[in-house]
Amino acid sequence: MRMTVVFVVAALTFVTPQRSDAQQSTEQNLQTCLSGKYPALCRHDLLSPEERVRVRSAELRENLGVCLTGKYPALCNHSELTAEQAAAVSAAERAENFSVCSTGKYPALCNHAILSPDERLRVTSAETAENLRICMDGRYPILCQRSLLTPEQTKDVDAAEAKAVAVRPSTGSATSSRCFETTIMSPTPFMGNNAEIFKLADGSRWEVKYEYEYLYEYYPSVVVCPSRGTLAIRGKTLNVQQLSTERPSLPTPSRPALPSSADVIESQIDGEFSGWEGETIFKLRNGQIWQQSSYAYKYKYAYSPKVLIYKSGSVYKMRVDGVDGEISVIRLK
């Protein structure tokens, strides 16, 4: 009896059909398509008529969700919207645009053409006030638009710039243990939020630790104290950690780019970038190939965005320009 049972089980095991690679690929394609987020990655030719209907509904729903945020007009497929949806999206885009414009800090990001007359007046006032604030600081003549100043304001700005030159202390660098004054060169704007990586005028790179200030500062002058791990800006003191002390060497044809002594690499994604999904592989323009080693999911489309890879302890971290957060990566090539 035991032999019979064993034979039957073995026979059933032998005849149990196994999913082929083609079946698995088809199922993975269906899951990708049904998310509605990646029409360009969806193999519509592999879908059944019923699946095409479901996928089409998912793509329309996802597109509407992106459009209604008002934040990504370039990613919104307006031709897929109904008349009612188009009206709602237009209102969302106008509201988001005014929200950006009304700060006065980002004239280049503001679409002045879609502002109402009243909004245009308020935005102009905000931009003028923000420009005056920058000019009166005296430390950033290159960022000051003097054409927006009145004659009286121009005199005050001249005095502020002269004072800034007179009181400016000698600068130092990250290799010094004492506090020194310098300028944050990137990112622009500098936010002063946790995990933000920034570069100083001497090429050294630092990371903000456990701070959330939302400063929106462009090329700010700061005082850095390496021994204390602090950065002073606008009367605030932020905790920071040094990542490198020098600018990484550039690759040459005869010498592939390797992590420098500072373990920091700057490059760009070679071609299209669509985020990461778990084990995503990234090919960089400097010839290196890296793979995601920490589980995380993020969708963000960009073409050849800038990439910063740096060593944190024994792990390499990667940050992509325009994408919140970072992932762990390992180098394949």
C-alpha atoms as a PDB file:
ATOM      1  CA  MET A   1       0.000   0.000   0.000  1.00  0.00           C
ATOM      2  CA  ARG A   2       2.799   2.415   0.849  1.00  0.00           C
ATOM      3  CA  MET A   3       4.498   1.717  -2.453  1.00  0.00           C
ATOM      4  CA  THR A   4       1.275   2.497  -4.288  1.00  0.00           C
ATOM      5  CA  VAL A   5       0.849   5.806  -2.491  1.00  0.00           C
ATOM      6  CA  VAL A   6       4.423   6.766  -3.194  1.00  0.00           C
ATOM      7  CA  PHE A   7       4.002   5.871  -6.837  1.00  0.00           C
ATOM      8  CA  VAL A   8       0.809   7.900  -7.153  1.00  0.00           C
ATOM      9  CA  VAL A   9       2.339  10.957  -5.451  1.00  0.00           C
ATOM     10  CA  ALA A  10       5.431  10.690  -7.593  1.00  0.00           C
ATOM     11  CA  ALA A  11       3.312  10.366 -10.696  1.00  0.00           C
ATOM     12  CA  LEU A  12       1.229  13.399  -9.748  1.00  0.00           C
ATOM     13  CA  THR A  13       4.390  15.354  -9.041  1.00  0.00           C
ATOM     14  CA  PHE A  14       5.794  14.341 -12.385  1.00  0.00           C
ATOM     15  CA  VAL A  15       2.764  15.392 -14.375  1.00  0.00           C
ATOM     16  CA  THR A  16       2.138  18.683 -12.500  1.00  0.00           C
ATOM     17  CA  PRO A  17       2.554  21.375 -15.138  1.00  0.00           C
ATOM     18  CA  GLN A  18       5.245  23.974 -14.473  1.00  0.00           C
ATOM     19  CA  ARG A  19       4.889  27.600 -15.527  1.00  0.00           C
ATOM     20  CA  SER A  20       7.163  28.344 -18.433  1.00  0.00           C
ATOM     21  CA  ASP A  21       9.314  31.462 -18.662  1.00  0.00           C
ATOM     22  CA  ALA A  22       6.939  32.728 -21.327  1.00  0.00           C
ATOM     23  CA  GLN A  23       3.957  32.371 -18.976  1.00  0.00           C
ATOM     24  CA  GLN A  24       5.767  34.166 -16.191  1.00  0.00           C
ATOM     25  CA  SER A  25       6.775  36.947 -18.570  1.00  0.00           C
ATOM     26  CA  THR A  26       3.166  37.320 -19.733  1.00  0.00           C
ATOM     27  CA  GLU A  27       1.920  37.525 -16.142  1.00  0.00           C
ATOM     28  CA  GLN A  28       4.554  40.098 -15.207  1.00  0.00           C
ATOM     29  CA  ASN A  29       3.618  42.138 -18.256  1.00  0.00           C
ATOM     30  CA  LEU A  30      -0.042  42.064 -17.231  1.00  0.00           C
ATOM     31  CA  GLN A  31       0.786  43.291 -13.732  1.00  0.00           C
ATOM     32  CA  THR A  32       2.883  46.122 -15.169  1.00  0.00           C
ATOM     33  CA  CYS A  33       0.127  47.089 -17.578  1.00  0.00           C
ATOM     34  CA  LEU A  34      -2.640  46.967 -14.945  1.00  0.00           C
ATOM     35  CA  SER A  35      -0.784  49.467 -12.759  1.00  0.00           C
ATOM     36  CA  GLY A  36      -1.516  52.028 -15.471  1.00  0.00           C
ATOM     37  CA  LYS A  37       1.736  53.814 -14.622  1.00  0.00           C
ATOM     38  CA  TYR A  38       3.971  52.580 -17.416  1.00  0.00           C
ATOM     39  CA  PRO A  39       2.193  52.588 -20.806  1.00  0.00           C
ATOM     40  CA  ALA A  40       5.557  52.672 -22.564  1.00  0.00           C
ATOM     41  CA  LEU A  41       6.672  49.502 -20.754  1.00  0.00           C
ATOM     42  CA  CYS A  42       3.418  47.631 -21.351  1.00  0.00           C
ATOM     43  CA  ARG A  43       3.390  45.018 -24.117  1.00  0.00           C
ATOM     44  CA  HIS A  44      -0.152  45.633 -25.294  1.00  0.00           C
ATOM     45  CA  ASP A  45       0.248  43.003 -28.021  1.00  0.00           C
ATOM     46  CA  LEU A  46       0.428  40.275 -25.352  1.00  0.00           C
ATOM     47  CA  LEU A  47      -2.936  41.248 -23.815  1.00  0.00           C
ATOM     48  CA  SER A  48      -6.272  39.594 -24.462  1.00  0.00           C
ATOM     49  CA  PRO A  49      -9.207  41.795 -25.562  1.00  0.00           C
ATOM     50  CA  GLU A  50     -10.615  41.742 -22.020  1.00  0.00           C
ATOM     51  CA  GLU A  51      -7.214  42.607 -20.542  1.00  0.00           C
ATOM     52  CA  ARG A  52      -6.810  45.510 -22.975  1.00  0.00           C
ATOM     53  CA  VAL A  53     -10.052  47.009 -21.701  1.00  0.00           C
ATOM     54  CA  ARG A  54      -8.888  46.725 -18.076  1.00  0.00           C
ATOM     55  CA  VAL A  55      -5.453  48.154 -18.893  1.00  0.00           C
ATOM     56  CA  ARG A  56      -6.944  51.053 -20.820  1.00  0.00           C
ATOM     57  CA  SER A  57      -9.114  51.921 -17.828  1.00  0.00           C
ATOM     58  CA  ALA A  58      -6.084  51.754 -15.503  1.00  0.00           C
ATOM     59  CA  GLU A  59      -3.988  54.003 -17.769  1.00  0.00           C
ATOM     60  CA  LEU A  60      -6.740  56.605 -17.984  1.00  0.00           C
ATOM     61  CA  ARG A  61      -7.188  56.538 -14.212  1.00  0.00           C
ATOM     62  CA  GLU A  62      -3.458  56.907 -13.547  1.00  0.00           C
ATOM     63  CA  ASN A  63      -3.096  59.725 -16.069  1.00  0.00           C
ATOM     64  CA  LEU A  64      -5.991  61.599 -14.471  1.00  0.00           C
ATOM     65  CA  GLY A  65      -4.398  61.195 -11.043  1.00  0.00           C
ATOM     66  CA  VAL A  66      -1.123  62.702 -12.270  1.00  0.00           C
ATOM     67  CA  CYS A  67      -2.918  65.513 -14.082  1.00  0.00           C
ATOM     68  CA  LEU A  68      -5.090  66.499 -11.121  1.00  0.00           C
ATOM     69  CA  THR A  69      -2.065  67.230  -8.924  1.00  0.00           C
ATOM     70  CA  GLY A  70      -1.385  70.185 -11.216  1.00  0.00           C
ATOM     71  CA  LYS A  71       2.338  69.725 -10.600  1.00  0.00           C
ATOM     72  CA  TYR A  72       3.370  67.866 -13.743  1.00  0.00           C
ATOM     73  CA  PRO A  73       1.789  69.399 -16.879  1.00  0.00           C
ATOM     74  CA  ALA A  74       4.519  67.855 -19.028  1.00  0.00           C
ATOM     75  CA  LEU A  75       3.653  64.354 -17.761  1.00  0.00           C
ATOM     76  CA  CYS A  76      -0.103  64.834 -18.170  1.00  0.00           C
ATOM     77  CA  ASN A  77      -1.607  63.505 -21.385  1.00  0.00           C
ATOM     78  CA  HIS A  78      -4.276  66.165 -21.831  1.00  0.00           C
ATOM     79  CA  SER A  79      -5.628  64.476 -24.956  1.00  0.00           C
ATOM     80  CA  GLU A  80      -6.902  61.582 -22.810  1.00  0.00           C
ATOM     81  CA  LEU A  81      -9.089  63.829 -20.639  1.00  0.00           C
ATOM     82  CA  THR A  82     -12.809  64.421 -20.957  1.00  0.00           C
ATOM     83  CA  ALA A  83     -14.062  68.005 -21.173  1.00  0.00           C
ATOM     84  CA  GLU A  84     -15.022  67.943 -17.490  1.00  0.00           C
ATOM     85  CA  GLN A  85     -11.684  66.422 -16.465  1.00  0.00           C
ATOM     86  CA  ALA A  86      -9.775  68.944 -18.599  1.00  0.00           C
ATOM     87  CA  ALA A  87     -11.484  71.815 -16.796  1.00  0.00           C
ATOM     88  CA  ALA A  88     -10.590  70.348 -13.391  1.00  0.00           C
ATOM     89  CA  VAL A  89      -6.984  69.759 -14.454  1.00  0.00           C
ATOM     90  CA  SER A  90      -6.668  73.299 -15.830  1.00  0.00           C
ATOM     91  CA  ALA A  91      -7.841  74.669 -12.490  1.00  0.00           C
ATOM     92  CA  ALA A  92      -5.349  72.442 -10.625  1.00  0.00           C
ATOM     93  CA  GLU A  93      -2.452  73.514 -12.845  1.00  0.00           C
ATOM     94  CA  ARG A  94      -3.308  77.183 -12.436  1.00  0.00           C
ATOM     95  CA  ALA A  95      -3.558  76.815  -8.652  1.00  0.00           C
ATOM     96  CA  GLU A  96      -0.232  74.986  -8.445  1.00  0.00           C
ATOM     97  CA  ASN A  97       1.445  77.510 -10.713  1.00  0.00           C
ATOM     98  CA  PHE A  98       0.200  80.411  -8.596  1.00  0.00           C
ATOM     99  CA  SER A  99       1.414  78.653  -5.463  1.00  0.00           C
ATOM    100  CA  VAL A 100       4.930  78.540  -6.925  1.00  0.00           C
ATOM    101  CA  CYS A 101       4.771  82.057  -8.400  1.00  0.00           C
ATOM    102  CA  SER A 102       3.431  83.740  -5.271  1.00  0.00           C
ATOM    103  CA  THR A 103       6.556  82.925  -3.263  1.00  0.00           C
ATOM    104  CA  GLY A 104       8.460  85.285  -5.542  1.00  0.00           C
ATOM    105  CA  LYS A 105      11.484  83.010  -5.302  1.00  0.00           C
ATOM    106  CA  TYR A 106      11.233  81.153  -8.616  1.00  0.00           C
ATOM    107  CA  PRO A 107      10.465  83.532 -11.520  1.00  0.00           C
ATOM    108  CA  ALA A 108      11.975  81.046 -13.973  1.00  0.00           C
ATOM    109  CA  LEU A 109       9.572  78.320 -12.822  1.00  0.00           C
ATOM    110  CA  CYS A 110       6.532  80.585 -12.913  1.00  0.00           C
ATOM    111  CA  ASN A 111       4.248  80.486 -15.947  1.00  0.00           C
ATOM    112  CA  HIS A 112       3.209  84.121 -15.940  1.00  0.00           C
ATOM    113  CA  ALA A 113       1.057  83.613 -19.034  1.00  0.00           C
ATOM    114  CA  ILE A 114      -1.672  81.723 -17.172  1.00  0.00           C
ATOM    115  CA  LEU A 115      -1.941  84.133 -14.234  1.00  0.00           C
ATOM    116  CA  SER A 116      -5.040  86.271 -13.866  1.00  0.00           C
ATOM    117  CA  PRO A 117      -4.544  90.073 -13.767  1.00  0.00           C
ATOM    118  CA  ASP A 118      -4.954  90.078  -9.983  1.00  0.00           C
ATOM    119  CA  GLU A 119      -2.552  87.132  -9.569  1.00  0.00           C
ATOM    120  CA  ARG A 120      -0.026  88.836 -11.863  1.00  0.00           C
ATOM    121  CA  LEU A 121       0.021  91.910  -9.642  1.00  0.00           C
ATOM    122  CA  ARG A 122       0.516  89.832  -6.500  1.00  0.00           C
ATOM    123  CA  VAL A 123       3.281  87.780  -8.104  1.00  0.00           C
ATOM    124  CA  THR A 124       5.074  90.870  -9.366  1.00  0.00           C
ATOM    125  CA  SER A 125       4.954  92.323  -5.863  1.00  0.00           C
ATOM    126  CA  ALA A 126       6.302  89.082  -4.373  1.00  0.00           C
ATOM    127  CA  GLU A 127       9.130  88.812  -6.907  1.00  0.00           C
ATOM    128  CA  THR A 128      10.110  92.444  -6.352  1.00  0.00           C
ATOM    129  CA  ALA A 129      10.166  91.974  -2.581  1.00  0.00           C
ATOM    130  CA  GLU A 130      12.210  88.774  -2.836  1.00  0.00           C
ATOM    131  CA  ASN A 131      14.686  90.433  -5.184  1.00  0.00           C
ATOM    132  CA  LEU A 132      15.078  93.357  -2.773  1.00  0.00           C
ATOM    133  CA  ARG A 133      15.711  90.945   0.106  1.00  0.00           C
ATOM    134  CA  ILE A 134      18.502  89.248  -1.844  1.00  0.00           C
ATOM    135  CA  CYS A 135      19.993  92.559  -2.971  1.00  0.00           C
ATOM    136  CA  MET A 136      19.958  94.088   0.504  1.00  0.00           C
ATOM    137  CA  ASP A 137      21.914  91.133   1.872  1.00  0.00           C
ATOM    138  CA  GLY A 138      24.855  92.559  -0.023  1.00  0.00           C
ATOM    139  CA  ARG A 139      26.620  89.233  -0.444  1.00  0.00           C
ATOM    140  CA  TYR A 140      25.088  88.155  -3.759  1.00  0.00           C
ATOM    141  CA  PRO A 141      25.506  90.951  -6.346  1.00  0.00           C
ATOM    142  CA  ILE A 142      25.269  88.420  -9.173  1.00  0.00           C
ATOM    143  CA  LEU A 143      21.790  87.361  -8.047  1.00  0.00           C
ATOM    144  CA  CYS A 144      20.483  90.908  -7.608  1.00  0.00           C
ATOM    145  CA  GLN A 145      18.317  92.256 -10.432  1.00  0.00           C
ATOM    146  CA  ARG A 146      19.040  95.953 -10.189  1.00  0.00           C
ATOM    147  CA  SER A 147      16.531  96.766 -12.904  1.00  0.00           C
ATOM    148  CA  LEU A 148      13.783  96.055 -10.361  1.00  0.00           C
ATOM    149  CA  LEU A 149      15.156  98.510  -7.797  1.00  0.00           C
ATOM    150  CA  THR A 150      14.087 102.093  -7.248  1.00  0.00           C
ATOM    151  CA  PRO A 151      16.809 104.800  -7.134  1.00  0.00           C
ATOM    152  CA  GLU A 152      16.579 104.881  -3.339  1.00  0.00           C
ATOM    153  CA  GLN A 153      16.823 101.090  -3.105  1.00  0.00           C
ATOM    154  CA  THR A 154      19.828 101.090  -5.433  1.00  0.00           C
ATOM    155  CA  LYS A 155      21.687 103.402  -3.040  1.00  0.00           C
ATOM    156  CA  ASP A 156      20.856 101.157  -0.084  1.00  0.00           C
ATOM    157  CA  VAL A 157      22.012  98.071  -2.004  1.00  0.00           C
ATOM    158  CA  ASP A 158      25.288  99.766  -2.938  1.00  0.00           C
ATOM    159  CA  ALA A 159      25.900 100.453   0.733  1.00  0.00           C
ATOM    160  CA  ALA A 160      24.989  96.867   1.694  1.00  0.00           C
ATOM    161  CA  GLU A 161      27.362  95.390  -0.886  1.00  0.00           C
ATOM    162  CA  ALA A 162      30.201  97.669   0.227  1.00  0.00           C
ATOM    163  CA  LYS A 163      29.622  96.663   3.851  1.00  0.00           C
ATOM    164  CA  ALA A 164      29.568  92.961   2.939  1.00  0.00           C
ATOM    165  CA  VAL A 165      32.957  93.278   1.229  1.00  0.00           C
ATOM    166  CA  ALA A 166      34.440  95.177   4.186  1.00  0.00           C
ATOM    167  CA  VAL A 167      33.358  92.677   6.870  1.00  0.00           C
ATOM    168  CA  ARG A 168      33.892  89.467   4.922  1.00  0.00           C
ATOM    169  CA  PRO A 169      36.269  87.222   6.906  1.00  0.00           C
ATOM    170  CA  SER A 170      38.931  85.078   5.283  1.00  0.00           C
ATOM    171  CA  THR A 171      37.598  81.830   3.890  1.00  0.00           C
ATOM    172  CA  GLY A 172      38.729  78.356   4.771  1.00  0.00           C
ATOM    173  CA  SER A 173      38.145  74.812   3.596  1.00  0.00           C
ATOM    174  CA  ALA A 174      36.812  71.479   4.822  1.00  0.00           C
ATOM    175  CA  THR A 175      40.366  70.253   5.502  1.00  0.00           C
ATOM    176  CA  SER A 176      40.622  72.763   8.338  1.00  0.00           C
ATOM    177  CA  SER A 177      39.419  71.852  11.825  1.00  0.00           C
ATOM    178  CA  ARG A 178      38.425  75.425  12.657  1.00  0.00           C
ATOM    179  CA  CYS A 179      35.205  77.111  11.598  1.00  0.00           C
ATOM    180  CA  PHE A 180      35.271  78.806   8.209  1.00  0.00           C
ATOM    181  CA  GLU A 181      32.982  80.807   5.948  1.00  0.00           C
ATOM    182  CA  THR A 182      32.126  79.460   2.510  1.00  0.00           C
ATOM    183  CA  THR A 183      29.294  79.180  -0.004  1.00  0.00           C
ATOM    184  CA  ILE A 184      26.957  76.291  -0.785  1.00  0.00           C
ATOM    185  CA  MET A 185      27.238  75.741  -4.546  1.00  0.00           C
ATOM    186  CA  SER A 186      24.637  72.986  -4.936  1.00  0.00           C
ATOM    187  CA  PRO A 187      21.855  72.008  -4.800  1.00  0.00           C
ATOM    188  CA  THR A 188      19.918  75.113  -5.788  1.00  0.00           C
ATOM    189  CA  PRO A 189      17.936  75.885  -3.844  1.00  0.00           C
ATOM    190  CA  PHE A 190      19.484  74.546  -0.646  1.00  0.00           C
ATOM    191  CA  MET A 191      16.670  73.378   1.629  1.00  0.00           C
ATOM    192  CA  GLY A 192      18.431  72.381   4.850  1.00  0.00           C
ATOM    193  CA  ASN A 193      16.436  69.165   5.245  1.00  0.00           C
ATOM    194  CA  ASN A 194      17.477  65.751   6.553  1.00  0.00           C
ATOM    195  CA  ALA A 195      19.597  63.610   4.174  1.00  0.00           C
ATOM    196  CA  GLU A 196      20.161  66.507   1.759  1.00  0.00           C
ATOM    197  CA  ILE A 197      23.653  66.336   0.252  1.00  0.00           C
ATOM    198  CA  PHE A 198      25.299  69.648  -0.606  1.00  0.00           C
ATOM    199  CA  LYS A 199      28.589  70.825  -2.088  1.00  0.00           C
ATOM    200  CA  LEU A 200      30.674  73.706  -0.790  1.00  0.00           C
ATOM    201  CA  ALA A 201      32.834  76.099  -2.790  1.00  0.00           C
ATOM    202  CA  ASP A 202      35.958  74.028  -2.031  1.00  0.00           C
ATOM    203  CA  GLY A 203      34.385  70.925  -3.605  1.00  0.00           C
ATOM    204  CA  SER A 204      33.728  69.091  -0.330  1.00  0.00           C
ATOM    205  CA  ARG A 205      30.395  67.337   0.122  1.00  0.00           C
ATOM    206  CA  TRP A 206      28.288  67.253   3.245  1.00  0.00           C
ATOM    207  CA  GLU A 207      24.965  65.815   4.390  1.00  0.00           C
ATOM    208  CA  VAL A 208      22.318  67.482   6.538  1.00  0.00           C
ATOM    209  CA  LYS A 209      21.397  65.351   9.552  1.00  0.00           C
ATOM    210  CA  TYR A 210      18.023  65.375  11.316  1.00  0.00           C
ATOM    211  CA  GLU A 211      17.000  68.892  10.249  1.00  0.00           C
ATOM    212  CA  TYR A 212      13.896  70.153   8.427  1.00  0.00           C
ATOM    213  CA  GLU A 213      14.242  73.868   7.743  1.00  0.00           C
ATOM    214  CA  TYR A 214      12.904  74.378   4.165  1.00  0.00           C
ATOM    215  CA  LEU A 215      15.222  77.338   3.624  1.00  0.00           C
ATOM    216  CA  TYR A 216      15.030  77.706  -0.167  1.00  0.00           C
ATOM    217  CA  GLU A 217      18.435  79.436  -0.282  1.00  0.00           C
ATOM    218  CA  TYR A 218      20.371  80.073  -3.483  1.00  0.00           C
ATOM    219  CA  TYR A 219      24.184  80.008  -3.109  1.00  0.00           C
ATOM    220  CA  PRO A 220      24.015  81.008   0.565  1.00  0.00           C
ATOM    221  CA  SER A 221      27.067  82.026   2.555  1.00  0.00           C
ATOM    222  CA  VAL A 222      27.460  79.742   5.558  1.00  0.00           C
ATOM    223  CA  VAL A 223      29.830  79.124   8.446  1.00  0.00           C
ATOM    224  CA  VAL A 224      30.916  75.490   8.778  1.00  0.00           C
ATOM    225  CA  CYS A 225      32.535  74.029  11.890  1.00  0.00           C
ATOM    226  CA  PRO A 226      33.923  70.579  10.963  1.00  0.00           C
ATOM    227  CA  SER A 227      34.967  69.666  14.508  1.00  0.00           C
ATOM    228  CA  ARG A 228      31.453  70.364  15.802  1.00  0.00           C
ATOM    229  CA  GLY A 229      29.609  69.003  12.798  1.00  0.00           C
ATOM    230  CA  THR A 230      27.538  72.170  12.435  1.00  0.00           C
ATOM    231  CA  LEU A 231      26.600  74.677   9.764  1.00  0.00           C
ATOM    232  CA  ALA A 232      25.353  78.187  10.543  1.00  0.00           C
ATOM    233  CA  ILE A 233      22.989  79.851   8.085  1.00  0.00           C
ATOM    234  CA  ARG A 234      20.557  82.748   8.538  1.00  0.00           C
ATOM    235  CA  GLY A 235      20.827  82.605  12.322  1.00  0.00           C
ATOM    236  CA  LYS A 236      20.128  78.847  12.381  1.00  0.00           C
ATOM    237  CA  THR A 237      22.539  76.062  13.296  1.00  0.00           C
ATOM    238  CA  LEU A 238      22.183  72.778  11.415  1.00  0.00           C
ATOM    239  CA  ASN A 239      23.758  69.414  12.177  1.00  0.00           C
ATOM    240  CA  VAL A 240      25.836  68.232   9.219  1.00  0.00           C
ATOM    241  CA  GLN A 241      28.174  65.362   8.414  1.00  0.00           C
ATOM    242  CA  GLN A 242      31.114  65.527   6.042  1.00  0.00           C
ATOM    243  CA  LEU A 243      31.100  62.992   3.189  1.00  0.00           C
ATOM    244  CA  SER A 244      34.219  64.025   1.287  1.00  0.00           C
ATOM    245  CA  THR A 245      36.990  66.584   1.420  1.00  0.00           C
ATOM    246  CA  GLU A 246      37.755  67.053  -2.255  1.00  0.00           C
ATOM    247  CA  ARG A 247      36.270  67.072  -5.718  1.00  0.00           C
ATOM    248  CA  PRO A 248      36.301  63.534  -7.242  1.00  0.00           C
ATOM    249  CA  SER A 249      38.699  63.037 -10.139  1.00  0.00           C
ATOM    250  CA  LEU A 250      37.162  62.872 -13.589  1.00  0.00           C
ATOM    251  CA  PRO A 251      37.383  59.653 -15.649  1.00  0.00           C
ATOM    252  CA  THR A 252      39.604  59.420 -18.718  1.00  0.00           C
ATOM    253  CA  PRO A 253      39.565  56.886 -21.563  1.00  0.00           C
ATOM    254  CA  SER A 254      42.706  55.230 -20.197  1.00  0.00           C
ATOM    255  CA  ARG A 255      41.530  55.275 -16.600  1.00  0.00           C
ATOM    256  CA  PRO A 256      37.922  54.257 -15.870  1.00  0.00           C
ATOM    257  CA  ALA A 257      36.228  56.242 -13.140  1.00  0.00           C
ATOM    258  CA  LEU A 258      36.641  54.534  -9.784  1.00  0.00           C
ATOM    259  CA  PRO A 259      35.479  55.737  -6.390  1.00  0.00           C
ATOM    260  CA  SER A 260      38.031  58.315  -5.290  1.00  0.00           C
ATOM    261  CA  SER A 261      39.576  58.427  -1.881  1.00  0.00           C
ATOM    262  CA  ALA A 262      36.520  60.424  -0.930  1.00  0.00           C
ATOM    263  CA  ASP A 263      34.236  57.639  -2.267  1.00  0.00           C
ATOM    264  CA  VAL A 264      32.030  60.067  -4.132  1.00  0.00           C
ATOM    265  CA  ILE A 265      30.993  59.702  -7.774  1.00  0.00           C
ATOM    266  CA  GLU A 266      29.125  62.227  -9.882  1.00  0.00           C
ATOM    267  CA  SER A 267      27.715  61.271 -13.272  1.00  0.00           C
ATOM    268  CA  GLN A 268      24.441  60.965 -15.211  1.00  0.00           C
ATOM    269  CA  ILE A 269      22.111  58.124 -16.102  1.00  0.00           C
ATOM    270  CA  ASP A 270      22.901  56.994 -19.639  1.00  0.00           C
ATOM    271  CA  GLY A 271      19.541  57.555 -21.345  1.00  0.00           C
ATOM    272  CA  GLU A 272      16.068  57.143 -19.884  1.00  0.00           C
ATOM    273  CA  PHE A 273      15.433  56.855 -16.150  1.00  0.00           C
ATOM    274  CA  SER A 274      12.134  55.620 -14.722  1.00  0.00           C
ATOM    275  CA  GLY A 275      12.889  55.147 -11.024  1.00  0.00           C
ATOM    276  CA  TRP A 276      13.663  51.896  -9.222  1.00  0.00           C
ATOM    277  CA  GLU A 277      11.725  48.735  -8.409  1.00  0.00           C
ATOM    278  CA  GLY A 278      13.910  46.454  -6.270  1.00  0.00           C
ATOM    279  CA  GLU A 279      16.854  45.216  -8.341  1.00  0.00           C
ATOM    280  CA  THR A 280      17.003  47.958 -10.960  1.00  0.00           C
ATOM    281  CA  ILE A 281      20.249  48.285 -12.929  1.00  0.00           C
ATOM    282  CA  PHE A 282      21.624  51.750 -13.716  1.00  0.00           C
ATOM    283  CA  LYS A 283      24.084  52.449 -16.517  1.00  0.00           C
ATOM    284  CA  LEU A 284      25.977  55.704 -16.073  1.00  0.00           C
ATOM    285  CA  ARG A 285      27.510  57.934 -18.710  1.00  0.00           C
ATOM    286  CA  ASN A 286      30.960  57.407 -17.191  1.00  0.00           C
ATOM    287  CA  GLY A 287      30.733  53.718 -18.153  1.00  0.00           C
ATOM    288  CA  GLN A 288      29.931  52.370 -14.712  1.00  0.00           C
ATOM    289  CA  ILE A 289      27.003  50.032 -14.076  1.00  0.00           C
ATOM    290  CA  TRP A 290      25.329  49.870 -10.665  1.00  0.00           C
ATOM    291  CA  GLN A 291      22.453  47.806  -9.280  1.00  0.00           C
ATOM    292  CA  GLN A 292      19.912  48.595  -6.583  1.00  0.00           C
ATOM    293  CA  SER A 293      20.624  46.514  -3.455  1.00  0.00           C
ATOM    294  CA  SER A 294      18.013  47.828  -1.019  1.00  0.00           C
ATOM    295  CA  TYR A 295      14.299  47.236  -1.510  1.00  0.00           C
ATOM    296  CA  ALA A 296      12.421  50.368  -2.501  1.00  0.00           C
ATOM    297  CA  TYR A 297       9.976  51.432  -5.181  1.00  0.00           C
ATOM    298  CA  LYS A 298       9.850  54.814  -6.843  1.00  0.00           C
ATOM    299  CA  TYR A 299       8.574  55.928 -10.252  1.00  0.00           C
ATOM    300  CA  LYS A 300      10.019  59.062 -11.770  1.00  0.00           C
ATOM    301  CA  TYR A 301      10.680  59.568 -15.455  1.00  0.00           C
ATOM    302  CA  ALA A 302      13.633  61.680 -16.528  1.00  0.00           C
ATOM    303  CA  TYR A 303      16.186  61.675 -19.305  1.00  0.00           C
ATOM    304  CA  SER A 304      19.830  61.444 -18.251  1.00  0.00           C
ATOM    305  CA  PRO A 305      19.338  62.942 -14.764  1.00  0.00           C
ATOM    306  CA  LYS A 306      22.386  63.713 -12.641  1.00  0.00           C
ATOM    307  CA  VAL A 307      23.467  61.013 -10.182  1.00  0.00           C
ATOM    308  CA  LEU A 308      25.474  61.203  -6.976  1.00  0.00           C
ATOM    309  CA  ILE A 309      26.860  57.978  -5.490  1.00  0.00           C
ATOM    310  CA  TYR A 310      28.725  58.103  -2.196  1.00  0.00           C
ATOM    311  CA  LYS A 311      29.949  55.670   0.410  1.00  0.00           C
ATOM    312  CA  SER A 312      28.187  55.651   3.780  1.00  0.00           C
ATOM    313  CA  GLY A 313      30.026  53.275   6.094  1.00  0.00           C
ATOM    314  CA  SER A 314      30.455  50.073   4.089  1.00  0.00           C
ATOM    315  CA  VAL A 315      27.482  50.749   1.792  1.00  0.00           C
ATOM    316  CA  TYR A 316      27.198  52.868  -1.332  1.00  0.00           C
ATOM    317  CA  LYS A 317      24.191  55.186  -1.550  1.00  0.00           C
ATOM    318  CA  MET A 318      22.744  56.682  -4.716  1.00  0.00           C
ATOM    319  CA  ARG A 319      20.744  59.871  -5.107  1.00  0.00           C
ATOM    320  CA  VAL A 320      19.175  60.991  -8.383  1.00  0.00           C
ATOM    321  CA  ASP A 321      18.528  64.631  -9.176  1.00  0.00           C
ATOM    322  CA  GLY A 322      14.850  65.453  -8.812  1.00  0.00           C
ATOM    323  CA  VAL A 323      13.988  62.273  -6.862  1.00  0.00           C
ATOM    324  CA  ASP A 324      13.250  62.279  -3.135  1.00  0.00           C
ATOM    325  CA  GLY A 325      15.117  59.703  -1.088  1.00  0.00           C
ATOM    326  CA  GLU A 326      18.066  57.455  -1.835  1.00  0.00           C
ATOM    327  CA  ILE A 327      18.824  53.744  -2.282  1.00  0.00           C
ATOM    328  CA  SER A 328      21.730  51.415  -1.582  1.00  0.00           C
ATOM    329  CA  VAL A 329      23.588  50.204  -4.657  1.00  0.00           C
ATOM    330  CA  ILE A 330      26.382  47.808  -5.588  1.00  0.00           C
ATOM    331  CA  ARG A 331      28.749  48.251  -8.503  1.00  0.00           C
ATOM    332  CA  LEU A 332      28.569  45.678 -11.293  1.00  0.00           C
ATOM    333  CA  LYS A 333      31.100  47.287 -13.619  1.00  0.00           C
END
